[in-house]
Amino acid sequence: MRTTNTSKISAFSLIFVLLGVLSYADGYYVRMVYESVRDNVSLRYEEVYEQGDTKIVFVTAKDTFTWLKVGDRYYVGSGKTLYRTFPIKDLEDFAREYLKARHVELKDGIYKFTEPNFSLEIVVLNSEILKISRKVGDVITTMHISRFSKNFDIREIISKYQIVDKSPVPEELFRIFNLFLWATVQEERLDVLKIVGYDKDGKLVELEINKTGGDFKINNYYLKIIKATEKTVRDIKDALRGN
């Protein structure tokens, strides 16, 4: 279900974007992300540099870390070494992919969407996404985006880091992340990763990667499907085959 209001934008949203520079060079912006669970609210600050298919994000929160996207490869680390990891989709990536999948052309206004498992609100001003809010159960995640003019060479920024390309798990498993609108990866215990997310139809998906057993074996690892629609299971099979 989708509702759209292209005529009204809150005064707070307008003030937030005016704090930035309305004439800016693409590629540098800051994001404030609030996550609330009932009465508990956490905050993180993200500084983003992006040029072409390369993006580096500096995250300041309780646990400070950096993640990098170069083409279709992703890296993450808490120091000057970044390690190959699963594909990362932040809330802005998710919103843009969601809109693209539904062929929504961005115009100034407020867009509201309701799915069976989550709801989404996107505020657009000057043809740019200003605010994104997503609600899943009791968890509300809100991202405010402000763009600024800043000259930088992304190659120079990345050169300060050591990039480790070897992945601890088979790269074939990375393909399944293209099936998600978004997903989180948690280390449950040694050699056990739990993946929870939503497929392109907004349906819940729960997977597990371990070394003991599952539905698919990839080298020394297994992929176990805990919850997924029949369509998503077929898509996972195709992805693992490289189709």
C-alpha atoms as a PDB file:
ATOM      1  CA  MET A   1       0.000   0.000   0.000  1.00  0.00           C
ATOM      2  CA  ARG A   2       1.343   3.433  -0.896  1.00  0.00           C
ATOM      3  CA  THR A   3       0.242   6.946   0.004  1.00  0.00           C
ATOM      4  CA  THR A   4       1.935  10.067  -1.300  1.00  0.00           C
ATOM      5  CA  ASN A   5       1.748  13.709  -0.304  1.00  0.00           C
ATOM      6  CA  THR A   6       3.807  15.926  -2.592  1.00  0.00           C
ATOM      7  CA  SER A   7       2.639  19.244  -1.196  1.00  0.00           C
ATOM      8  CA  LYS A   8       3.552  19.236   2.492  1.00  0.00           C
ATOM      9  CA  ILE A   9       6.965  18.972   4.135  1.00  0.00           C
ATOM     10  CA  SER A  10       7.408  19.558   7.844  1.00  0.00           C
ATOM     11  CA  ALA A  11       9.120  22.710   9.078  1.00  0.00           C
ATOM     12  CA  PHE A  12      11.708  20.574  10.871  1.00  0.00           C
ATOM     13  CA  SER A  13      12.655  18.772   7.642  1.00  0.00           C
ATOM     14  CA  LEU A  14      12.943  22.067   5.799  1.00  0.00           C
ATOM     15  CA  ILE A  15      15.184  23.566   8.484  1.00  0.00           C
ATOM     16  CA  PHE A  16      17.387  20.460   8.470  1.00  0.00           C
ATOM     17  CA  VAL A  17      18.138  20.643   4.769  1.00  0.00           C
ATOM     18  CA  LEU A  18      18.724  24.392   4.870  1.00  0.00           C
ATOM     19  CA  LEU A  19      21.451  23.822   7.423  1.00  0.00           C
ATOM     20  CA  GLY A  20      23.367  22.195   4.603  1.00  0.00           C
ATOM     21  CA  VAL A  21      24.451  23.797   1.342  1.00  0.00           C
ATOM     22  CA  LEU A  22      21.819  23.646  -1.355  1.00  0.00           C
ATOM     23  CA  SER A  23      24.448  23.991  -4.084  1.00  0.00           C
ATOM     24  CA  TYR A  24      26.847  21.107  -3.508  1.00  0.00           C
ATOM     25  CA  ALA A  25      29.167  18.704  -5.253  1.00  0.00           C
ATOM     26  CA  ASP A  26      27.800  15.171  -5.416  1.00  0.00           C
ATOM     27  CA  GLY A  27      29.468  12.673  -3.180  1.00  0.00           C
ATOM     28  CA  TYR A  28      29.856  14.106   0.329  1.00  0.00           C
ATOM     29  CA  TYR A  29      27.142  14.032   2.952  1.00  0.00           C
ATOM     30  CA  VAL A  30      26.507  13.378   6.608  1.00  0.00           C
ATOM     31  CA  ARG A  31      23.758  11.275   8.126  1.00  0.00           C
ATOM     32  CA  MET A  32      22.234  11.154  11.584  1.00  0.00           C
ATOM     33  CA  VAL A  33      20.566   7.827  12.310  1.00  0.00           C
ATOM     34  CA  TYR A  34      18.206   7.346  15.247  1.00  0.00           C
ATOM     35  CA  GLU A  35      16.975   3.914  16.250  1.00  0.00           C
ATOM     36  CA  SER A  36      14.269   3.573  18.860  1.00  0.00           C
ATOM     37  CA  VAL A  37      12.967   0.423  20.521  1.00  0.00           C
ATOM     38  CA  ARG A  38      10.082   1.358  22.804  1.00  0.00           C
ATOM     39  CA  ASP A  39      11.656   3.896  25.223  1.00  0.00           C
ATOM     40  CA  ASN A  40      15.294   3.246  24.275  1.00  0.00           C
ATOM     41  CA  VAL A  41      16.904   5.461  21.620  1.00  0.00           C
ATOM     42  CA  SER A  42      20.367   5.064  20.111  1.00  0.00           C
ATOM     43  CA  LEU A  43      22.148   7.490  17.795  1.00  0.00           C
ATOM     44  CA  ARG A  44      24.923   7.155  15.272  1.00  0.00           C
ATOM     45  CA  TYR A  45      26.655   9.677  13.033  1.00  0.00           C
ATOM     46  CA  GLU A  46      27.775   8.717   9.527  1.00  0.00           C
ATOM     47  CA  GLU A  47      30.139  10.629   7.257  1.00  0.00           C
ATOM     48  CA  VAL A  48      29.912   9.468   3.641  1.00  0.00           C
ATOM     49  CA  TYR A  49      32.233   9.997   0.677  1.00  0.00           C
ATOM     50  CA  GLU A  50      31.014   8.657  -2.657  1.00  0.00           C
ATOM     51  CA  GLN A  51      32.345   8.838  -6.220  1.00  0.00           C
ATOM     52  CA  GLY A  52      31.160   6.571  -9.024  1.00  0.00           C
ATOM     53  CA  ASP A  53      30.772   3.004  -7.741  1.00  0.00           C
ATOM     54  CA  THR A  54      33.016   3.642  -4.721  1.00  0.00           C
ATOM     55  CA  LYS A  55      31.670   4.652  -1.310  1.00  0.00           C
ATOM     56  CA  ILE A  56      33.336   4.855   2.083  1.00  0.00           C
ATOM     57  CA  VAL A  57      31.309   5.403   5.258  1.00  0.00           C
ATOM     58  CA  PHE A  58      32.733   6.424   8.635  1.00  0.00           C
ATOM     59  CA  VAL A  59      30.337   5.400  11.400  1.00  0.00           C
ATOM     60  CA  THR A  60      30.558   6.952  14.863  1.00  0.00           C
ATOM     61  CA  ALA A  61      28.434   5.244  17.500  1.00  0.00           C
ATOM     62  CA  LYS A  62      28.930   3.060  20.552  1.00  0.00           C
ATOM     63  CA  ASP A  63      31.123   0.914  18.298  1.00  0.00           C
ATOM     64  CA  THR A  64      32.991   3.041  15.747  1.00  0.00           C
ATOM     65  CA  PHE A  65      33.834   1.433  12.411  1.00  0.00           C
ATOM     66  CA  THR A  66      34.366   2.078   8.697  1.00  0.00           C
ATOM     67  CA  TRP A  67      32.882   0.297   5.725  1.00  0.00           C
ATOM     68  CA  LEU A  68      33.812   0.513   2.068  1.00  0.00           C
ATOM     69  CA  LYS A  69      32.122  -0.402  -1.209  1.00  0.00           C
ATOM     70  CA  VAL A  70      34.223  -0.762  -4.352  1.00  0.00           C
ATOM     71  CA  GLY A  71      32.118  -1.984  -7.255  1.00  0.00           C
ATOM     72  CA  ASP A  72      30.368  -5.105  -5.961  1.00  0.00           C
ATOM     73  CA  ARG A  73      32.918  -5.747  -3.194  1.00  0.00           C
ATOM     74  CA  TYR A  74      32.447  -4.671   0.420  1.00  0.00           C
ATOM     75  CA  TYR A  75      34.898  -4.263   3.288  1.00  0.00           C
ATOM     76  CA  VAL A  76      34.571  -3.372   6.958  1.00  0.00           C
ATOM     77  CA  GLY A  77      36.860  -2.739   9.907  1.00  0.00           C
ATOM     78  CA  SER A  78      37.311  -0.811  13.139  1.00  0.00           C
ATOM     79  CA  GLY A  79      40.867   0.355  12.429  1.00  0.00           C
ATOM     80  CA  LYS A  80      43.084   0.985   9.416  1.00  0.00           C
ATOM     81  CA  THR A  81      42.523  -2.515   8.015  1.00  0.00           C
ATOM     82  CA  LEU A  82      39.291  -3.277   6.150  1.00  0.00           C
ATOM     83  CA  TYR A  83      38.271  -6.894   5.585  1.00  0.00           C
ATOM     84  CA  ARG A  84      36.130  -8.398   2.827  1.00  0.00           C
ATOM     85  CA  THR A  85      32.578  -8.877   4.050  1.00  0.00           C
ATOM     86  CA  PHE A  86      29.003  -9.497   2.998  1.00  0.00           C
ATOM     87  CA  PRO A  87      27.271  -6.835   0.869  1.00  0.00           C
ATOM     88  CA  ILE A  88      26.159  -3.903   3.029  1.00  0.00           C
ATOM     89  CA  LYS A  89      22.950  -1.973   2.362  1.00  0.00           C
ATOM     90  CA  ASP A  90      22.351   1.063   4.504  1.00  0.00           C
ATOM     91  CA  LEU A  91      18.928   2.615   4.967  1.00  0.00           C
ATOM     92  CA  GLU A  92      19.437   4.994   2.044  1.00  0.00           C
ATOM     93  CA  ASP A  93      20.431   2.116  -0.275  1.00  0.00           C
ATOM     94  CA  PHE A  94      17.342   0.231   0.850  1.00  0.00           C
ATOM     95  CA  ALA A  95      15.037   3.201   0.209  1.00  0.00           C
ATOM     96  CA  ARG A  96      16.410   3.845  -3.271  1.00  0.00           C
ATOM     97  CA  GLU A  97      16.159   0.167  -4.215  1.00  0.00           C
ATOM     98  CA  TYR A  98      12.619  -0.018  -2.850  1.00  0.00           C
ATOM     99  CA  LEU A  99      11.560   3.014  -4.917  1.00  0.00           C
ATOM    100  CA  LYS A 100      13.298   1.714  -8.034  1.00  0.00           C
ATOM    101  CA  ALA A 101      11.600  -1.683  -7.744  1.00  0.00           C
ATOM    102  CA  ARG A 102       8.236   0.094  -7.643  1.00  0.00           C
ATOM    103  CA  HIS A 103       9.114   2.487 -10.485  1.00  0.00           C
ATOM    104  CA  VAL A 104       8.609   5.549  -8.292  1.00  0.00           C
ATOM    105  CA  GLU A 105      10.016   8.752  -9.781  1.00  0.00           C
ATOM    106  CA  LEU A 106      11.305  11.057  -7.061  1.00  0.00           C
ATOM    107  CA  LYS A 107       9.520  14.383  -6.793  1.00  0.00           C
ATOM    108  CA  ASP A 108       9.445  16.760  -3.850  1.00  0.00           C
ATOM    109  CA  GLY A 109       7.091  15.554  -1.163  1.00  0.00           C
ATOM    110  CA  ILE A 110       6.452  12.843   1.392  1.00  0.00           C
ATOM    111  CA  TYR A 111       6.112   9.218   0.321  1.00  0.00           C
ATOM    112  CA  LYS A 112       4.537   6.639   2.640  1.00  0.00           C
ATOM    113  CA  PHE A 113       4.474   2.894   2.052  1.00  0.00           C
ATOM    114  CA  THR A 114       2.972   0.101   4.134  1.00  0.00           C
ATOM    115  CA  GLU A 115       4.000  -3.533   3.710  1.00  0.00           C
ATOM    116  CA  PRO A 116       2.838  -6.538   5.766  1.00  0.00           C
ATOM    117  CA  ASN A 117       6.098  -6.599   7.764  1.00  0.00           C
ATOM    118  CA  PHE A 118       7.275  -2.982   7.751  1.00  0.00           C
ATOM    119  CA  SER A 119       6.363   0.595   6.891  1.00  0.00           C
ATOM    120  CA  LEU A 120       8.479   3.235   5.180  1.00  0.00           C
ATOM    121  CA  GLU A 121       8.372   7.031   4.927  1.00  0.00           C
ATOM    122  CA  ILE A 122      10.633   9.045   2.604  1.00  0.00           C
ATOM    123  CA  VAL A 123      10.881  12.845   2.500  1.00  0.00           C
ATOM    124  CA  VAL A 124      12.200  14.417  -0.725  1.00  0.00           C
ATOM    125  CA  LEU A 125      13.218  18.059  -1.197  1.00  0.00           C
ATOM    126  CA  ASN A 126      15.025  19.611  -4.173  1.00  0.00           C
ATOM    127  CA  SER A 127      14.888  16.150  -5.791  1.00  0.00           C
ATOM    128  CA  GLU A 128      17.071  14.698  -3.018  1.00  0.00           C
ATOM    129  CA  ILE A 129      16.143  12.312  -0.218  1.00  0.00           C
ATOM    130  CA  LEU A 130      16.166  14.302   3.010  1.00  0.00           C
ATOM    131  CA  LYS A 131      14.765  11.840   5.536  1.00  0.00           C
ATOM    132  CA  ILE A 132      13.976   8.117   5.680  1.00  0.00           C
ATOM    133  CA  SER A 133      12.016   6.398   8.434  1.00  0.00           C
ATOM    134  CA  ARG A 134      11.424   2.647   8.601  1.00  0.00           C
ATOM    135  CA  LYS A 135       9.337   0.788  11.187  1.00  0.00           C
ATOM    136  CA  VAL A 136       9.729  -2.946  11.750  1.00  0.00           C
ATOM    137  CA  GLY A 137       7.774  -4.215  14.745  1.00  0.00           C
ATOM    138  CA  ASP A 138       8.794  -2.074  17.726  1.00  0.00           C
ATOM    139  CA  VAL A 139      11.956  -0.818  16.005  1.00  0.00           C
ATOM    140  CA  ILE A 140      11.878   2.585  14.284  1.00  0.00           C
ATOM    141  CA  THR A 141      14.985   3.651  12.355  1.00  0.00           C
ATOM    142  CA  THR A 142      15.162   7.240  11.097  1.00  0.00           C
ATOM    143  CA  MET A 143      17.927   8.686   8.924  1.00  0.00           C
ATOM    144  CA  HIS A 144      18.402  12.426   8.290  1.00  0.00           C
ATOM    145  CA  ILE A 145      20.647  13.253   5.321  1.00  0.00           C
ATOM    146  CA  SER A 146      22.405  16.569   4.723  1.00  0.00           C
ATOM    147  CA  ARG A 147      24.706  17.206   1.752  1.00  0.00           C
ATOM    148  CA  PHE A 148      27.580  19.678   1.725  1.00  0.00           C
ATOM    149  CA  SER A 149      30.095  21.026  -0.762  1.00  0.00           C
ATOM    150  CA  LYS A 150      33.505  19.449  -0.224  1.00  0.00           C
ATOM    151  CA  ASN A 151      36.403  18.732  -2.564  1.00  0.00           C
ATOM    152  CA  PHE A 152      37.991  15.323  -2.101  1.00  0.00           C
ATOM    153  CA  ASP A 153      39.768  12.505  -3.926  1.00  0.00           C
ATOM    154  CA  ILE A 154      38.240   9.221  -2.822  1.00  0.00           C
ATOM    155  CA  ARG A 155      41.331   7.313  -3.959  1.00  0.00           C
ATOM    156  CA  GLU A 156      43.429   9.334  -1.540  1.00  0.00           C
ATOM    157  CA  ILE A 157      41.016   8.569   1.315  1.00  0.00           C
ATOM    158  CA  ILE A 158      41.044   4.828   0.591  1.00  0.00           C
ATOM    159  CA  SER A 159      44.840   4.750   0.256  1.00  0.00           C
ATOM    160  CA  LYS A 160      45.089   5.281   4.021  1.00  0.00           C
ATOM    161  CA  TYR A 161      43.614   1.800   4.591  1.00  0.00           C
ATOM    162  CA  GLN A 162      44.898  -1.711   4.111  1.00  0.00           C
ATOM    163  CA  ILE A 163      42.350  -3.689   2.105  1.00  0.00           C
ATOM    164  CA  VAL A 164      42.157  -7.447   2.746  1.00  0.00           C
ATOM    165  CA  ASP A 165      40.392  -9.216  -0.130  1.00  0.00           C
ATOM    166  CA  LYS A 166      40.272 -12.733   1.282  1.00  0.00           C
ATOM    167  CA  SER A 167      36.916 -13.684   2.770  1.00  0.00           C
ATOM    168  CA  PRO A 168      36.538 -16.155   5.658  1.00  0.00           C
ATOM    169  CA  VAL A 169      33.420 -17.647   4.012  1.00  0.00           C
ATOM    170  CA  PRO A 170      32.905 -18.717   0.367  1.00  0.00           C
ATOM    171  CA  GLU A 171      32.107 -15.810  -1.929  1.00  0.00           C
ATOM    172  CA  GLU A 172      29.239 -17.807  -3.448  1.00  0.00           C
ATOM    173  CA  LEU A 173      27.300 -17.000  -0.281  1.00  0.00           C
ATOM    174  CA  PHE A 174      27.574 -13.282  -1.042  1.00  0.00           C
ATOM    175  CA  ARG A 175      25.182 -13.713  -3.976  1.00  0.00           C
ATOM    176  CA  ILE A 176      22.187 -14.393  -1.754  1.00  0.00           C
ATOM    177  CA  PHE A 177      22.353 -10.829  -0.418  1.00  0.00           C
ATOM    178  CA  ASN A 178      21.194  -9.519  -3.789  1.00  0.00           C
ATOM    179  CA  LEU A 179      17.832 -11.115  -2.945  1.00  0.00           C
ATOM    180  CA  PHE A 180      17.298  -8.946   0.136  1.00  0.00           C
ATOM    181  CA  LEU A 181      15.811  -5.490   0.441  1.00  0.00           C
ATOM    182  CA  TRP A 182      17.987  -5.386   3.531  1.00  0.00           C
ATOM    183  CA  ALA A 183      19.475  -7.830   6.003  1.00  0.00           C
ATOM    184  CA  THR A 184      21.506  -7.949   9.196  1.00  0.00           C
ATOM    185  CA  VAL A 185      24.230 -10.481   9.950  1.00  0.00           C
ATOM    186  CA  GLN A 186      24.858 -11.582  13.530  1.00  0.00           C
ATOM    187  CA  GLU A 187      27.483 -13.944  14.884  1.00  0.00           C
ATOM    188  CA  GLU A 188      25.459 -16.278  17.088  1.00  0.00           C
ATOM    189  CA  ARG A 189      28.466 -18.306  18.217  1.00  0.00           C
ATOM    190  CA  LEU A 190      31.762 -19.544  16.801  1.00  0.00           C
ATOM    191  CA  ASP A 191      31.379 -20.414  13.095  1.00  0.00           C
ATOM    192  CA  VAL A 192      27.626 -19.675  13.148  1.00  0.00           C
ATOM    193  CA  LEU A 193      26.209 -16.596  11.403  1.00  0.00           C
ATOM    194  CA  LYS A 194      22.507 -15.740  11.481  1.00  0.00           C
ATOM    195  CA  ILE A 195      21.053 -13.616   8.675  1.00  0.00           C
ATOM    196  CA  VAL A 196      17.696 -11.900   9.171  1.00  0.00           C
ATOM    197  CA  GLY A 197      16.153  -9.651   6.553  1.00  0.00           C
ATOM    198  CA  TYR A 198      13.367  -9.069   4.034  1.00  0.00           C
ATOM    199  CA  ASP A 199      13.185 -10.181   0.426  1.00  0.00           C
ATOM    200  CA  LYS A 200      12.245  -7.951  -2.514  1.00  0.00           C
ATOM    201  CA  ASP A 201       8.557  -8.643  -1.808  1.00  0.00           C
ATOM    202  CA  GLY A 202       8.887  -7.488   1.804  1.00  0.00           C
ATOM    203  CA  LYS A 203       8.678 -11.027   3.229  1.00  0.00           C
ATOM    204  CA  LEU A 204      10.749 -12.116   6.224  1.00  0.00           C
ATOM    205  CA  VAL A 205      13.829 -14.264   5.537  1.00  0.00           C
ATOM    206  CA  GLU A 206      15.928 -16.040   8.167  1.00  0.00           C
ATOM    207  CA  LEU A 207      19.067 -17.966   7.230  1.00  0.00           C
ATOM    208  CA  GLU A 208      22.014 -19.507   9.038  1.00  0.00           C
ATOM    209  CA  ILE A 209      25.571 -20.146   7.867  1.00  0.00           C
ATOM    210  CA  ASN A 210      27.425 -22.830   9.814  1.00  0.00           C
ATOM    211  CA  LYS A 211      29.900 -25.695   9.501  1.00  0.00           C
ATOM    212  CA  THR A 212      27.692 -28.533  10.726  1.00  0.00           C
ATOM    213  CA  GLY A 213      24.678 -28.895   8.453  1.00  0.00           C
ATOM    214  CA  GLY A 214      21.983 -27.222   6.388  1.00  0.00           C
ATOM    215  CA  ASP A 215      20.121 -27.180   3.082  1.00  0.00           C
ATOM    216  CA  PHE A 216      23.087 -26.293   0.858  1.00  0.00           C
ATOM    217  CA  LYS A 217      26.795 -27.101   1.191  1.00  0.00           C
ATOM    218  CA  ILE A 218      29.346 -24.632  -0.171  1.00  0.00           C
ATOM    219  CA  ASN A 219      32.933 -25.746   0.409  1.00  0.00           C
ATOM    220  CA  ASN A 220      33.268 -26.212   4.184  1.00  0.00           C
ATOM    221  CA  TYR A 221      30.121 -24.233   5.028  1.00  0.00           C
ATOM    222  CA  TYR A 222      26.399 -24.942   5.042  1.00  0.00           C
ATOM    223  CA  LEU A 223      23.497 -22.600   4.365  1.00  0.00           C
ATOM    224  CA  LYS A 224      20.398 -23.411   6.406  1.00  0.00           C
ATOM    225  CA  ILE A 225      17.039 -21.869   5.486  1.00  0.00           C
ATOM    226  CA  ILE A 226      15.052 -21.158   8.639  1.00  0.00           C
ATOM    227  CA  LYS A 227      12.265 -19.039   7.121  1.00  0.00           C
ATOM    228  CA  ALA A 228      11.606 -17.977   3.524  1.00  0.00           C
ATOM    229  CA  THR A 229       8.863 -18.056   0.911  1.00  0.00           C
ATOM    230  CA  GLU A 230       8.938 -20.750  -1.779  1.00  0.00           C
ATOM    231  CA  LYS A 231       9.897 -18.112  -4.336  1.00  0.00           C
ATOM    232  CA  THR A 232      12.826 -16.913  -2.225  1.00  0.00           C
ATOM    233  CA  VAL A 233      14.025 -20.501  -1.721  1.00  0.00           C
ATOM    234  CA  ARG A 234      14.057 -20.954  -5.509  1.00  0.00           C
ATOM    235  CA  ASP A 235      15.888 -17.639  -5.892  1.00  0.00           C
ATOM    236  CA  ILE A 236      18.493 -18.747  -3.340  1.00  0.00           C
ATOM    237  CA  LYS A 237      19.081 -21.979  -5.278  1.00  0.00           C
ATOM    238  CA  ASP A 238      19.531 -20.021  -8.508  1.00  0.00           C
ATOM    239  CA  ALA A 239      21.867 -17.517  -6.838  1.00  0.00           C
ATOM    240  CA  LEU A 240      24.098 -20.249  -5.434  1.00  0.00           C
ATOM    241  CA  ARG A 241      24.298 -21.812  -8.895  1.00  0.00           C
ATOM    242  CA  GLY A 242      25.378 -18.447 -10.279  1.00  0.00           C
ATOM    243  CA  ASN A 243      22.203 -17.950 -12.335  1.00  0.00           C
END
